[in-house]
PDB file of N, CA and C in Angstrom:
ATOM      1  N   MET A   1     -14.069  -0.014  23.171  1.00  0.00           N
ATOM      2  CA  MET A   1     -12.778  -0.381  22.976  1.00  0.00           C
ATOM      3  C   MET A   1     -12.267   2.226  23.017  1.00  0.00           C
ATOM      4  N   ARG A   2     -12.321   1.914  24.321  1.00  0.00           N
ATOM      5  CA  ARG A   2     -11.798   3.183  23.761  1.00  0.00           C
ATOM      6  C   ARG A   2     -10.425   3.721  23.126  1.00  0.00           C
ATOM      7  N   LEU A   3      -9.891   4.346  22.652  1.00  0.00           N
ATOM      8  CA  LEU A   3      -8.900   5.145  22.648  1.00  0.00           C
ATOM      9  C   LEU A   3      -7.484   4.917  23.226  1.00  0.00           C
ATOM     10  N   ASN A   4      -8.088   6.174  24.443  1.00  0.00           N
ATOM     11  CA  ASN A   4      -6.922   5.875  25.378  1.00  0.00           C
ATOM     12  C   ASN A   4      -6.098   4.602  25.230  1.00  0.00           C
ATOM     13  N   ASN A   5      -6.753   3.671  25.331  1.00  0.00           N
ATOM     14  CA  ASN A   5      -6.734   1.896  26.095  1.00  0.00           C
ATOM     15  C   ASN A   5      -5.362   1.532  25.423  1.00  0.00           C
ATOM     16  N   VAL A   6      -5.796   2.100  24.558  1.00  0.00           N
ATOM     17  CA  VAL A   6      -4.980   1.478  22.754  1.00  0.00           C
ATOM     18  C   VAL A   6      -3.530   1.972  22.695  1.00  0.00           C
ATOM     19  N   LEU A   7      -3.396   3.919  23.144  1.00  0.00           N
ATOM     20  CA  LEU A   7      -2.598   4.295  23.478  1.00  0.00           C
ATOM     21  C   LEU A   7      -1.786   4.183  24.875  1.00  0.00           C
ATOM     22  N   HIS A   8      -2.359   4.135  25.580  1.00  0.00           N
ATOM     23  CA  HIS A   8      -1.690   4.064  26.053  1.00  0.00           C
ATOM     24  C   HIS A   8      -1.053   2.683  26.714  1.00  0.00           C
ATOM     25  N   TYR A   9      -1.542   1.541  25.802  1.00  0.00           N
ATOM     26  CA  TYR A   9      -1.333  -0.131  26.115  1.00  0.00           C
ATOM     27  C   TYR A   9       0.212  -0.056  26.565  1.00  0.00           C
ATOM     28  N   ARG A  10       0.653   0.416  26.054  1.00  0.00           N
ATOM     29  CA  ARG A  10       1.964  -0.271  26.181  1.00  0.00           C
ATOM     30  C   ARG A  10       2.662   0.244  27.778  1.00  0.00           C
ATOM     31  N   ASP A  11       1.983   0.753  27.575  1.00  0.00           N
ATOM     32  CA  ASP A  11       3.253   0.864  29.004  1.00  0.00           C
ATOM     33  C   ASP A  11       1.883  -0.112  30.334  1.00  0.00           C
ATOM     34  N   MET A  12       0.985  -0.642  29.792  1.00  0.00           N
ATOM     35  CA  MET A  12      -0.001  -1.338  30.728  1.00  0.00           C
ATOM     36  C   MET A  12       0.604  -2.654  30.900  1.00  0.00           C
ATOM     37  N   ARG A  13       1.332  -3.173  30.073  1.00  0.00           N
ATOM     38  CA  ARG A  13       1.928  -4.332  29.950  1.00  0.00           C
ATOM     39  C   ARG A  13       3.054  -5.314  30.556  1.00  0.00           C
ATOM     40  N   ARG A  14       3.384  -6.291  30.608  1.00  0.00           N
ATOM     41  CA  ARG A  14       3.771  -6.987  31.828  1.00  0.00           C
ATOM     42  C   ARG A  14       4.997  -7.158  31.037  1.00  0.00           C
ATOM     43  N   TYR A  15       5.922  -7.300  30.263  1.00  0.00           N
ATOM     44  CA  TYR A  15       7.141  -7.964  29.488  1.00  0.00           C
ATOM     45  C   TYR A  15       7.680  -9.303  30.273  1.00  0.00           C
ATOM     46  N   THR A  16       7.110 -10.397  29.700  1.00  0.00           N
ATOM     47  CA  THR A  16       8.459 -11.631  30.135  1.00  0.00           C
ATOM     48  C   THR A  16       8.791 -11.660  28.975  1.00  0.00           C
ATOM     49  N   LYS A  17       9.549 -12.648  29.129  1.00  0.00           N
ATOM     50  CA  LYS A  17      10.804 -13.632  29.267  1.00  0.00           C
ATOM     51  C   LYS A  17      10.306 -14.534  28.244  1.00  0.00           C
ATOM     52  N   ASN A  18       9.282 -15.178  28.162  1.00  0.00           N
ATOM     53  CA  ASN A  18       9.552 -16.651  27.323  1.00  0.00           C
ATOM     54  C   ASN A  18       7.988 -15.466  26.691  1.00  0.00           C
ATOM     55  N   PRO A  19       8.420 -16.608  25.743  1.00  0.00           N
ATOM     56  CA  PRO A  19       7.527 -15.860  23.989  1.00  0.00           C
ATOM     57  C   PRO A  19       6.611 -16.692  23.670  1.00  0.00           C
ATOM     58  N   LEU A  20       6.004 -18.111  24.897  1.00  0.00           N
ATOM     59  CA  LEU A  20       5.276 -18.344  24.626  1.00  0.00           C
ATOM     60  C   LEU A  20       3.990 -18.625  25.394  1.00  0.00           C
ATOM     61  N   GLU A  21       4.895 -17.762  26.494  1.00  0.00           N
ATOM     62  CA  GLU A  21       3.187 -16.570  27.736  1.00  0.00           C
ATOM     63  C   GLU A  21       2.488 -15.998  26.615  1.00  0.00           C
ATOM     64  N   VAL A  22       2.817 -14.786  26.282  1.00  0.00           N
ATOM     65  CA  VAL A  22       2.266 -13.896  25.569  1.00  0.00           C
ATOM     66  C   VAL A  22       1.149 -14.130  25.336  1.00  0.00           C
ATOM     67  N   LYS A  23       0.014 -12.732  25.437  1.00  0.00           N
ATOM     68  CA  LYS A  23      -1.019 -13.475  25.758  1.00  0.00           C
ATOM     69  C   LYS A  23      -1.090 -12.495  24.386  1.00  0.00           C
ATOM     70  N   PHE A  24      -2.183 -13.216  22.680  1.00  0.00           N
ATOM     71  CA  PHE A  24      -2.427 -12.191  21.710  1.00  0.00           C
ATOM     72  C   PHE A  24      -3.547 -11.254  22.272  1.00  0.00           C
ATOM     73  N   GLU A  25      -4.529  -9.787  22.429  1.00  0.00           N
ATOM     74  CA  GLU A  25      -5.545  -8.679  22.461  1.00  0.00           C
ATOM     75  C   GLU A  25      -5.469  -8.421  21.096  1.00  0.00           C
ATOM     76  N   GLU A  26      -5.802  -8.060  20.128  1.00  0.00           N
ATOM     77  CA  GLU A  26      -6.741  -8.340  19.432  1.00  0.00           C
ATOM     78  C   GLU A  26      -7.411  -6.090  20.047  1.00  0.00           C
ATOM     79  N   LEU A  27      -6.786  -6.155  19.687  1.00  0.00           N
ATOM     80  CA  LEU A  27      -6.288  -3.859  19.852  1.00  0.00           C
ATOM     81  C   LEU A  27      -7.023  -3.452  19.223  1.00  0.00           C
ATOM     82  N   LEU A  28      -6.847  -3.452  17.454  1.00  0.00           N
ATOM     83  CA  LEU A  28      -7.917  -2.527  16.998  1.00  0.00           C
ATOM     84  C   LEU A  28      -8.364  -3.312  15.516  1.00  0.00           C
ATOM     85  N   PRO A  29      -8.478  -3.869  15.063  1.00  0.00           N
ATOM     86  CA  PRO A  29      -9.217  -5.237  13.824  1.00  0.00           C
ATOM     87  C   PRO A  29      -9.117  -5.060  13.077  1.00  0.00           C
ATOM     88  N   LEU A  30      -8.323  -6.970  13.371  1.00  0.00           N
ATOM     89  CA  LEU A  30      -7.903  -7.064  12.105  1.00  0.00           C
ATOM     90  C   LEU A  30      -7.925  -6.838  10.771  1.00  0.00           C
ATOM     91  N   LYS A  31      -8.374  -5.940   9.950  1.00  0.00           N
ATOM     92  CA  LYS A  31      -8.210  -5.355   8.976  1.00  0.00           C
ATOM     93  C   LYS A  31      -7.300  -4.563   8.400  1.00  0.00           C
ATOM     94  N   LEU A  32      -8.283  -4.412   6.790  1.00  0.00           N
ATOM     95  CA  LEU A  32      -7.305  -3.541   5.597  1.00  0.00           C
ATOM     96  C   LEU A  32      -7.951  -2.489   5.326  1.00  0.00           C
ATOM     97  N   LYS A  33      -7.451  -1.291   5.695  1.00  0.00           N
ATOM     98  CA  LYS A  33      -7.443   0.184   5.627  1.00  0.00           C
ATOM     99  C   LYS A  33      -8.730  -0.047   4.125  1.00  0.00           C
ATOM    100  N   GLU A  34      -9.359   1.491   3.835  1.00  0.00           N
ATOM    101  CA  GLU A  34     -10.481   1.770   3.056  1.00  0.00           C
ATOM    102  C   GLU A  34      -9.086   1.932   0.855  1.00  0.00           C
ATOM    103  N   LYS A  35      -8.457   2.829   2.609  1.00  0.00           N
ATOM    104  CA  LYS A  35      -7.786   3.260   0.268  1.00  0.00           C
ATOM    105  C   LYS A  35      -6.194   3.066   1.279  1.00  0.00           C
ATOM    106  N   VAL A  36      -5.083   3.118   0.774  1.00  0.00           N
ATOM    107  CA  VAL A  36      -3.902   3.655   1.337  1.00  0.00           C
ATOM    108  C   VAL A  36      -3.592   5.281   1.076  1.00  0.00           C
ATOM    109  N   SER A  37      -1.872   5.668   1.378  1.00  0.00           N
ATOM    110  CA  SER A  37      -1.735   6.967   1.268  1.00  0.00           C
ATOM    111  C   SER A  37      -0.826   7.446   0.210  1.00  0.00           C
ATOM    112  N   GLY A  38      -0.013   7.760  -0.461  1.00  0.00           N
ATOM    113  CA  GLY A  38       0.584   7.952  -1.438  1.00  0.00           C
ATOM    114  C   GLY A  38       2.147   8.365  -1.222  1.00  0.00           C
ATOM    115  N   LYS A  39       2.011   8.465   0.273  1.00  0.00           N
ATOM    116  CA  LYS A  39       3.081   9.528   0.889  1.00  0.00           C
ATOM    117  C   LYS A  39       4.415   8.366   0.602  1.00  0.00           C
ATOM    118  N   GLY A  40       4.100   7.231   0.755  1.00  0.00           N
ATOM    119  CA  GLY A  40       5.661   6.780   0.179  1.00  0.00           C
ATOM    120  C   GLY A  40       5.991   5.940  -1.092  1.00  0.00           C
ATOM    121  N   ASP A  41       5.213   6.730  -2.278  1.00  0.00           N
ATOM    122  CA  ASP A  41       4.962   6.392  -3.289  1.00  0.00           C
ATOM    123  C   ASP A  41       6.605   6.735  -3.620  1.00  0.00           C
ATOM    124  N   ARG A  42       7.551   7.388  -3.508  1.00  0.00           N
ATOM    125  CA  ARG A  42       8.445   8.654  -4.298  1.00  0.00           C
ATOM    126  C   ARG A  42       9.117   7.870  -4.178  1.00  0.00           C
ATOM    127  N   SER A  43       9.988   6.956  -5.289  1.00  0.00           N
ATOM    128  CA  SER A  43      11.295   6.078  -4.642  1.00  0.00           C
ATOM    129  C   SER A  43      12.696   7.422  -4.467  1.00  0.00           C
ATOM    130  N   LYS A  44      13.118   6.446  -4.124  1.00  0.00           N
ATOM    131  CA  LYS A  44      14.379   6.709  -3.553  1.00  0.00           C
ATOM    132  C   LYS A  44      15.626   7.266  -4.215  1.00  0.00           C
ATOM    133  N   GLU A  45      15.496   6.363  -5.268  1.00  0.00           N
ATOM    134  CA  GLU A  45      16.612   6.631  -6.176  1.00  0.00           C
ATOM    135  C   GLU A  45      16.281   6.974  -7.617  1.00  0.00           C
ATOM    136  N   ARG A  46      17.461   7.964  -8.031  1.00  0.00           N
ATOM    137  CA  ARG A  46      16.622   9.458  -9.106  1.00  0.00           C
ATOM    138  C   ARG A  46      16.929   8.306 -10.246  1.00  0.00           C
ATOM    139  N   ALA A  47      16.645   8.503 -11.256  1.00  0.00           N
ATOM    140  CA  ALA A  47      17.560   8.019 -12.841  1.00  0.00           C
ATOM    141  C   ALA A  47      18.546   8.625 -13.529  1.00  0.00           C
ATOM    142  N   CYS A  48      20.086   7.659 -13.955  1.00  0.00           N
ATOM    143  CA  CYS A  48      20.940   8.197 -14.231  1.00  0.00           C
ATOM    144  C   CYS A  48      21.315   9.005 -13.833  1.00  0.00           C
ATOM    145  N   VAL A  49      21.801   8.689 -12.415  1.00  0.00           N
ATOM    146  CA  VAL A  49      22.481   9.174 -11.348  1.00  0.00           C
ATOM    147  C   VAL A  49      23.781   9.061 -12.094  1.00  0.00           C
ATOM    148  N   HIS A  50      24.466   8.193 -12.230  1.00  0.00           N
ATOM    149  CA  HIS A  50      25.385   6.361 -12.280  1.00  0.00           C
ATOM    150  C   HIS A  50      25.671   7.805 -13.698  1.00  0.00           C
ATOM    151  N   GLU A  51      25.320   7.397 -14.548  1.00  0.00           N
ATOM    152  CA  GLU A  51      25.576   7.293 -16.807  1.00  0.00           C
ATOM    153  C   GLU A  51      25.940   9.340 -16.044  1.00  0.00           C
ATOM    154  N   ILE A  52      25.384  10.154 -15.123  1.00  0.00           N
ATOM    155  CA  ILE A  52      25.710  11.143 -15.287  1.00  0.00           C
ATOM    156  C   ILE A  52      27.008  11.812 -14.997  1.00  0.00           C
ATOM    157  N   SER A  53      27.423  10.846 -13.121  1.00  0.00           N
ATOM    158  CA  SER A  53      28.203  10.968 -12.374  1.00  0.00           C
ATOM    159  C   SER A  53      29.498  10.676 -13.360  1.00  0.00           C
ATOM    160  N   ILE A  54      29.467   9.822 -13.765  1.00  0.00           N
ATOM    161  CA  ILE A  54      30.818   9.317 -14.764  1.00  0.00           C
ATOM    162  C   ILE A  54      31.259  10.605 -16.303  1.00  0.00           C
ATOM    163  N   MET A  55      29.923  10.557 -15.898  1.00  0.00           N
ATOM    164  CA  MET A  55      29.806  11.621 -17.904  1.00  0.00           C
ATOM    165  C   MET A  55      30.940  12.885 -17.084  1.00  0.00           C
ATOM    166  N   PHE A  56      30.592  13.636 -16.306  1.00  0.00           N
ATOM    167  CA  PHE A  56      30.763  14.429 -14.827  1.00  0.00           C
ATOM    168  C   PHE A  56      32.000  13.855 -14.549  1.00  0.00           C
ATOM    169  N   ALA A  57      32.547  13.079 -14.786  1.00  0.00           N
ATOM    170  CA  ALA A  57      34.270  12.707 -13.803  1.00  0.00           C
ATOM    171  C   ALA A  57      34.901  13.072 -15.243  1.00  0.00           C
ATOM    172  N   CYS A  58      34.618  12.220 -16.685  1.00  0.00           N
ATOM    173  CA  CYS A  58      35.321  12.690 -17.826  1.00  0.00           C
ATOM    174  C   CYS A  58      35.514  13.875 -18.111  1.00  0.00           C
ATOM    175  N   PHE A  59      34.209  15.000 -18.141  1.00  0.00           N
ATOM    176  CA  PHE A  59      34.994  16.451 -17.924  1.00  0.00           C
ATOM    177  C   PHE A  59      35.482  17.029 -17.369  1.00  0.00           C
ATOM    178  N   LYS A  60      35.789  16.237 -15.497  1.00  0.00           N
ATOM    179  CA  LYS A  60      36.566  17.294 -14.932  1.00  0.00           C
ATOM    180  C   LYS A  60      37.935  16.518 -15.630  1.00  0.00           C
ATOM    181  N   LYS A  61      37.857  15.158 -15.832  1.00  0.00           N
ATOM    182  CA  LYS A  61      39.433  14.043 -16.329  1.00  0.00           C
ATOM    183  C   LYS A  61      40.338  15.483 -17.640  1.00  0.00           C
ATOM    184  N   ASN A  62      39.461  15.371 -18.271  1.00  0.00           N
ATOM    185  CA  ASN A  62      39.666  16.564 -19.307  1.00  0.00           C
ATOM    186  C   ASN A  62      38.990  17.750 -19.883  1.00  0.00           C
ATOM    187  N   GLU A  63      39.405  18.020 -18.838  1.00  0.00           N
ATOM    188  CA  GLU A  63      39.782  20.208 -19.388  1.00  0.00           C
ATOM    189  C   GLU A  63      38.337  20.672 -20.104  1.00  0.00           C
ATOM    190  N   PHE A  64      37.219  19.618 -19.584  1.00  0.00           N
ATOM    191  CA  PHE A  64      35.390  20.162 -20.193  1.00  0.00           C
ATOM    192  C   PHE A  64      35.452  19.780 -21.809  1.00  0.00           C
ATOM    193  N   ASP A  65      36.519  18.719 -21.929  1.00  0.00           N
ATOM    194  CA  ASP A  65      35.937  19.173 -23.361  1.00  0.00           C
ATOM    195  C   ASP A  65      35.186  17.706 -23.834  1.00  0.00           C
ATOM    196  N   GLN A  66      34.559  18.205 -24.738  1.00  0.00           N
ATOM    197  CA  GLN A  66      32.840  17.354 -25.034  1.00  0.00           C
ATOM    198  C   GLN A  66      33.677  16.256 -26.610  1.00  0.00           C
ATOM    199  N   ALA A  67      34.614  16.523 -26.273  1.00  0.00           N
ATOM    200  CA  ALA A  67      35.011  15.319 -27.257  1.00  0.00           C
ATOM    201  C   ALA A  67      35.783  14.364 -27.356  1.00  0.00           C
ATOM    202  N   ARG A  68      36.409  14.265 -25.762  1.00  0.00           N
ATOM    203  CA  ARG A  68      37.402  13.524 -25.389  1.00  0.00           C
ATOM    204  C   ARG A  68      35.329  12.813 -24.795  1.00  0.00           C
ATOM    205  N   CYS A  69      34.854  12.730 -24.430  1.00  0.00           N
ATOM    206  CA  CYS A  69      33.453  12.517 -23.602  1.00  0.00           C
ATOM    207  C   CYS A  69      31.767  11.848 -24.401  1.00  0.00           C
ATOM    208  N   SER A  70      32.745  11.293 -25.220  1.00  0.00           N
ATOM    209  CA  SER A  70      31.459  11.174 -26.642  1.00  0.00           C
ATOM    210  C   SER A  70      30.581  10.185 -25.948  1.00  0.00           C
ATOM    211  N   ASP A  71      31.642   9.018 -26.247  1.00  0.00           N
ATOM    212  CA  ASP A  71      31.038   8.140 -25.485  1.00  0.00           C
ATOM    213  C   ASP A  71      29.788   7.265 -24.040  1.00  0.00           C
ATOM    214  N   GLU A  72      30.480   8.494 -23.245  1.00  0.00           N
ATOM    215  CA  GLU A  72      29.387   8.528 -21.858  1.00  0.00           C
ATOM    216  C   GLU A  72      28.932   9.985 -22.067  1.00  0.00           C
ATOM    217  N   ILE A  73      29.229  10.104 -23.274  1.00  0.00           N
ATOM    218  CA  ILE A  73      27.461  11.749 -22.941  1.00  0.00           C
ATOM    219  C   ILE A  73      26.239  10.383 -24.413  1.00  0.00           C
ATOM    220  N   THR A  74      27.377   9.830 -25.242  1.00  0.00           N
ATOM    221  CA  THR A  74      25.657   9.274 -25.158  1.00  0.00           C
ATOM    222  C   THR A  74      25.646   7.764 -24.947  1.00  0.00           C
ATOM    223  N   LYS A  75      26.284   7.395 -24.068  1.00  0.00           N
ATOM    224  CA  LYS A  75      25.387   6.507 -23.031  1.00  0.00           C
ATOM    225  C   LYS A  75      24.312   7.297 -22.036  1.00  0.00           C
ATOM    226  N   PHE A  76      24.436   8.635 -20.945  1.00  0.00           N
ATOM    227  CA  PHE A  76      23.676   9.449 -20.276  1.00  0.00           C
ATOM    228  C   PHE A  76      23.033   9.540 -21.734  1.00  0.00           C
ATOM    229  N   GLN A  77      22.914  10.282 -22.432  1.00  0.00           N
ATOM    230  CA  GLN A  77      21.862  10.536 -23.150  1.00  0.00           C
ATOM    231  C   GLN A  77      20.247   9.287 -23.616  1.00  0.00           C
ATOM    232  N   ALA A  78      20.921   8.016 -23.964  1.00  0.00           N
ATOM    233  CA  ALA A  78      20.705   6.890 -24.009  1.00  0.00           C
ATOM    234  C   ALA A  78      20.167   6.117 -22.267  1.00  0.00           C
ATOM    235  N   CYS A  79      19.705   6.545 -21.583  1.00  0.00           N
ATOM    236  CA  CYS A  79      19.165   6.323 -20.159  1.00  0.00           C
ATOM    237  C   CYS A  79      19.016   7.112 -20.160  1.00  0.00           C
ATOM    238  N   ALA A  80      18.785   8.623 -20.639  1.00  0.00           N
ATOM    239  CA  ALA A  80      18.100   9.598 -20.218  1.00  0.00           C
ATOM    240  C   ALA A  80      15.720   9.664 -21.464  1.00  0.00           C
ATOM    241  N   THR A  81      16.482   8.738 -22.486  1.00  0.00           N
ATOM    242  CA  THR A  81      15.827   9.041 -23.402  1.00  0.00           C
ATOM    243  C   THR A  81      14.843   7.124 -23.294  1.00  0.00           C
ATOM    244  N   LYS A  82      15.275   6.941 -22.652  1.00  0.00           N
ATOM    245  CA  LYS A  82      14.316   5.350 -21.973  1.00  0.00           C
ATOM    246  C   LYS A  82      14.119   5.858 -20.572  1.00  0.00           C
ATOM    247  N   ASN A  83      14.515   6.587 -20.418  1.00  0.00           N
ATOM    248  CA  ASN A  83      13.845   7.403 -18.919  1.00  0.00           C
ATOM    249  C   ASN A  83      12.517   7.552 -18.955  1.00  0.00           C
ATOM    250  N   TYR A  84      12.874   8.413 -19.997  1.00  0.00           N
ATOM    251  CA  TYR A  84      11.632   9.159 -20.292  1.00  0.00           C
ATOM    252  C   TYR A  84       9.955   8.810 -20.629  1.00  0.00           C
ATOM    253  N   ALA A  85      10.952   7.426 -21.765  1.00  0.00           N
ATOM    254  CA  ALA A  85       9.991   6.704 -22.580  1.00  0.00           C
ATOM    255  C   ALA A  85       9.731   6.206 -22.189  1.00  0.00           C
ATOM    256  N   ASP A  86      10.190   5.176 -20.609  1.00  0.00           N
ATOM    257  CA  ASP A  86       8.941   4.414 -19.210  1.00  0.00           C
ATOM    258  C   ASP A  86       8.291   5.488 -18.472  1.00  0.00           C
ATOM    259  N   LYS A  87       8.942   6.334 -18.705  1.00  0.00           N
ATOM    260  CA  LYS A  87       7.528   7.614 -18.184  1.00  0.00           C
ATOM    261  C   LYS A  87       6.683   8.171 -18.216  1.00  0.00           C
ATOM    262  N   PHE A  88       6.545   7.941 -19.953  1.00  0.00           N
ATOM    263  CA  PHE A  88       5.442   7.704 -20.915  1.00  0.00           C
ATOM    264  C   PHE A  88       4.758   6.473 -20.795  1.00  0.00           C
ATOM    265  N   LYS A  89       5.021   5.563 -20.913  1.00  0.00           N
ATOM    266  CA  LYS A  89       4.339   4.271 -21.074  1.00  0.00           C
ATOM    267  C   LYS A  89       3.296   5.013 -19.759  1.00  0.00           C
ATOM    268  N   ARG A  90       4.021   5.458 -17.944  1.00  0.00           N
ATOM    269  CA  ARG A  90       3.851   4.490 -17.377  1.00  0.00           C
ATOM    270  C   ARG A  90       2.490   5.775 -17.538  1.00  0.00           C
ATOM    271  N   LYS A  91       2.476   7.191 -17.889  1.00  0.00           N
ATOM    272  CA  LYS A  91       1.397   8.072 -16.911  1.00  0.00           C
ATOM    273  C   LYS A  91       0.054   7.453 -19.228  1.00  0.00           C
ATOM    274  N   GLN A  92       0.455   6.857 -18.753  1.00  0.00           N
ATOM    275  CA  GLN A  92      -0.179   6.606 -20.710  1.00  0.00           C
ATOM    276  C   GLN A  92      -1.437   5.251 -20.276  1.00  0.00           C
ATOM    277  N   ASP A  93      -0.197   3.865 -19.856  1.00  0.00           N
ATOM    278  CA  ASP A  93      -1.666   2.589 -18.471  1.00  0.00           C
ATOM    279  C   ASP A  93      -2.357   3.798 -17.490  1.00  0.00           C
ATOM    280  N   MET A  94      -1.263   5.148 -16.902  1.00  0.00           N
ATOM    281  CA  MET A  94      -2.392   5.467 -15.754  1.00  0.00           C
ATOM    282  C   MET A  94      -3.949   5.990 -16.249  1.00  0.00           C
ATOM    283  N   LEU A  95      -4.155   6.476 -17.666  1.00  0.00           N
ATOM    284  CA  LEU A  95      -4.661   7.327 -17.973  1.00  0.00           C
ATOM    285  C   LEU A  95      -5.489   6.320 -18.248  1.00  0.00           C
ATOM    286  N   GLU A  96      -4.785   5.257 -19.319  1.00  0.00           N
ATOM    287  CA  GLU A  96      -6.196   3.898 -19.593  1.00  0.00           C
ATOM    288  C   GLU A  96      -6.893   3.213 -19.088  1.00  0.00           C
ATOM    289  N   GLY A  97      -5.971   2.976 -17.510  1.00  0.00           N
ATOM    290  CA  GLY A  97      -6.712   2.203 -16.055  1.00  0.00           C
ATOM    291  C   GLY A  97      -6.189   0.998 -16.035  1.00  0.00           C
ATOM    292  N   LYS A  98      -5.496   1.033 -17.388  1.00  0.00           N
ATOM    293  CA  LYS A  98      -4.239  -0.399 -17.201  1.00  0.00           C
ATOM    294  C   LYS A  98      -3.371  -0.768 -15.538  1.00  0.00           C
ATOM    295  N   ILE A  99      -3.552  -2.137 -15.206  1.00  0.00           N
ATOM    296  CA  ILE A  99      -3.124  -2.141 -13.422  1.00  0.00           C
ATOM    297  C   ILE A  99      -2.027  -3.079 -14.157  1.00  0.00           C
ATOM    298  N   SER A 100      -0.664  -2.906 -13.384  1.00  0.00           N
ATOM    299  CA  SER A 100       0.213  -3.442 -14.319  1.00  0.00           C
ATOM    300  C   SER A 100       0.684  -4.494 -12.750  1.00  0.00           C
ATOM    301  N   THR A 101      -0.190  -5.970 -13.084  1.00  0.00           N
ATOM    302  CA  THR A 101       0.397  -6.668 -11.773  1.00  0.00           C
ATOM    303  C   THR A 101       0.909  -7.667 -12.276  1.00  0.00           C
ATOM    304  N   GLY A 102       2.338  -8.294 -11.075  1.00  0.00           N
ATOM    305  CA  GLY A 102       2.886  -8.862 -11.518  1.00  0.00           C
ATOM    306  C   GLY A 102       4.375  -7.590 -11.586  1.00  0.00           C
ATOM    307  N   LYS A 103       4.666  -7.041 -13.016  1.00  0.00           N
ATOM    308  CA  LYS A 103       5.950  -6.708 -13.572  1.00  0.00           C
ATOM    309  C   LYS A 103       6.304  -5.887 -12.441  1.00  0.00           C
ATOM    310  N   ASP A 104       5.701  -5.050 -11.814  1.00  0.00           N
ATOM    311  CA  ASP A 104       6.318  -3.903 -10.929  1.00  0.00           C
ATOM    312  C   ASP A 104       5.625  -3.801  -9.594  1.00  0.00           C
ATOM    313  N   ASN A 105       6.260  -3.181  -8.797  1.00  0.00           N
ATOM    314  CA  ASN A 105       4.940  -3.217  -7.434  1.00  0.00           C
ATOM    315  C   ASN A 105       3.579  -1.931  -7.807  1.00  0.00           C
ATOM    316  N   LEU A 106       2.520  -1.748  -7.021  1.00  0.00           N
ATOM    317  CA  LEU A 106       1.552  -1.621  -8.019  1.00  0.00           C
ATOM    318  C   LEU A 106       1.746   0.119  -6.761  1.00  0.00           C
ATOM    319  N   THR A 107       0.729   0.464  -7.820  1.00  0.00           N
ATOM    320  CA  THR A 107       1.035   2.475  -6.698  1.00  0.00           C
ATOM    321  C   THR A 107       0.070   2.045  -5.818  1.00  0.00           C
ATOM    322  N   PRO A 108       0.213   3.566  -5.245  1.00  0.00           N
ATOM    323  CA  PRO A 108      -1.035   3.270  -4.766  1.00  0.00           C
ATOM    324  C   PRO A 108      -2.142   4.211  -5.253  1.00  0.00           C
ATOM    325  N   ARG A 109      -2.377   4.472  -6.330  1.00  0.00           N
ATOM    326  CA  ARG A 109      -3.600   4.783  -6.738  1.00  0.00           C
ATOM    327  C   ARG A 109      -4.034   2.884  -7.283  1.00  0.00           C
ATOM    328  N   GLU A 110      -3.136   2.332  -7.918  1.00  0.00           N
ATOM    329  CA  GLU A 110      -3.591   0.662  -8.851  1.00  0.00           C
ATOM    330  C   GLU A 110      -4.353  -0.217  -7.376  1.00  0.00           C
ATOM    331  N   ILE A 111      -3.606   0.712  -6.158  1.00  0.00           N
ATOM    332  CA  ILE A 111      -3.733   0.002  -4.616  1.00  0.00           C
ATOM    333  C   ILE A 111      -5.318   0.049  -4.262  1.00  0.00           C
ATOM    334  N   ASN A 112      -5.702   2.005  -4.388  1.00  0.00           N
ATOM    335  CA  ASN A 112      -6.978   1.539  -3.825  1.00  0.00           C
ATOM    336  C   ASN A 112      -8.075   1.698  -5.447  1.00  0.00           C
ATOM    337  N   TYR A 113      -7.816   1.447  -5.965  1.00  0.00           N
ATOM    338  CA  TYR A 113      -8.920   0.860  -7.391  1.00  0.00           C
ATOM    339  C   TYR A 113      -8.880  -0.652  -6.972  1.00  0.00           C
ATOM    340  N   LEU A 114      -8.212  -1.239  -6.859  1.00  0.00           N
ATOM    341  CA  LEU A 114      -8.336  -2.767  -6.641  1.00  0.00           C
ATOM    342  C   LEU A 114      -9.053  -2.807  -5.073  1.00  0.00           C
ATOM    343  N   LEU A 115      -8.699  -2.334  -4.342  1.00  0.00           N
ATOM    344  CA  LEU A 115     -10.104  -1.701  -2.243  1.00  0.00           C
ATOM    345  C   LEU A 115     -10.593  -1.563  -2.561  1.00  0.00           C
ATOM    346  N   LYS A 116     -11.370  -0.966  -4.254  1.00  0.00           N
ATOM    347  CA  LYS A 116     -13.119  -0.789  -3.704  1.00  0.00           C
ATOM    348  C   LYS A 116     -14.106  -1.687  -5.482  1.00  0.00           C
ATOM    349  N   LYS A 117     -12.724  -2.142  -5.733  1.00  0.00           N
ATOM    350  CA  LYS A 117     -13.268  -2.454  -6.476  1.00  0.00           C
ATOM    351  C   LYS A 117     -13.726  -3.942  -5.415  1.00  0.00           C
ATOM    352  N   TYR A 118     -12.030  -4.909  -5.059  1.00  0.00           N
ATOM    353  CA  TYR A 118     -12.829  -6.064  -3.832  1.00  0.00           C
ATOM    354  C   TYR A 118     -13.027  -5.800  -1.682  1.00  0.00           C
ATOM    355  N   PRO A 119     -13.921  -5.246  -1.441  1.00  0.00           N
ATOM    356  CA  PRO A 119     -13.541  -4.936  -0.251  1.00  0.00           C
ATOM    357  C   PRO A 119     -13.720  -5.427   0.054  1.00  0.00           C
ATOM    358  N   ASN A 120     -14.080  -5.008   1.810  1.00  0.00           N
ATOM    359  CA  ASN A 120     -13.515  -6.456   2.985  1.00  0.00           C
ATOM    360  C   ASN A 120     -15.651  -7.024   3.539  1.00  0.00           C
ATOM    361  N   PRO A 121     -14.900  -7.820   3.525  1.00  0.00           N
ATOM    362  CA  PRO A 121     -16.847  -8.449   4.208  1.00  0.00           C
ATOM    363  C   PRO A 121     -16.935  -7.421   5.174  1.00  0.00           C
TER     364      PRO A 121
END
């Protein structure tokens, strides 16, 4: 099958209102690719944003007096040290080749490792 047919398939098909009349045509093979890209790997959520916003609000309210905002500062520092420790642990696991199955989402590097280990038949 030519790629041109696949790209222009949407223009050629007829639309039907009854979903039971839709005929399935396999345009591309239904199998996994050999690897995944890491483009969507970056997390949208940044670490400790909530804590730093509370800390800056306290600074603004108290005219940037750090003595009055010591509780917020310690909470932000605790969050930052926890984030650095988690990041260091993930990096060490990556260097050792450990795969964190079941706990978190797999990284693209771990997915590619598993796809190489268990290829498509």
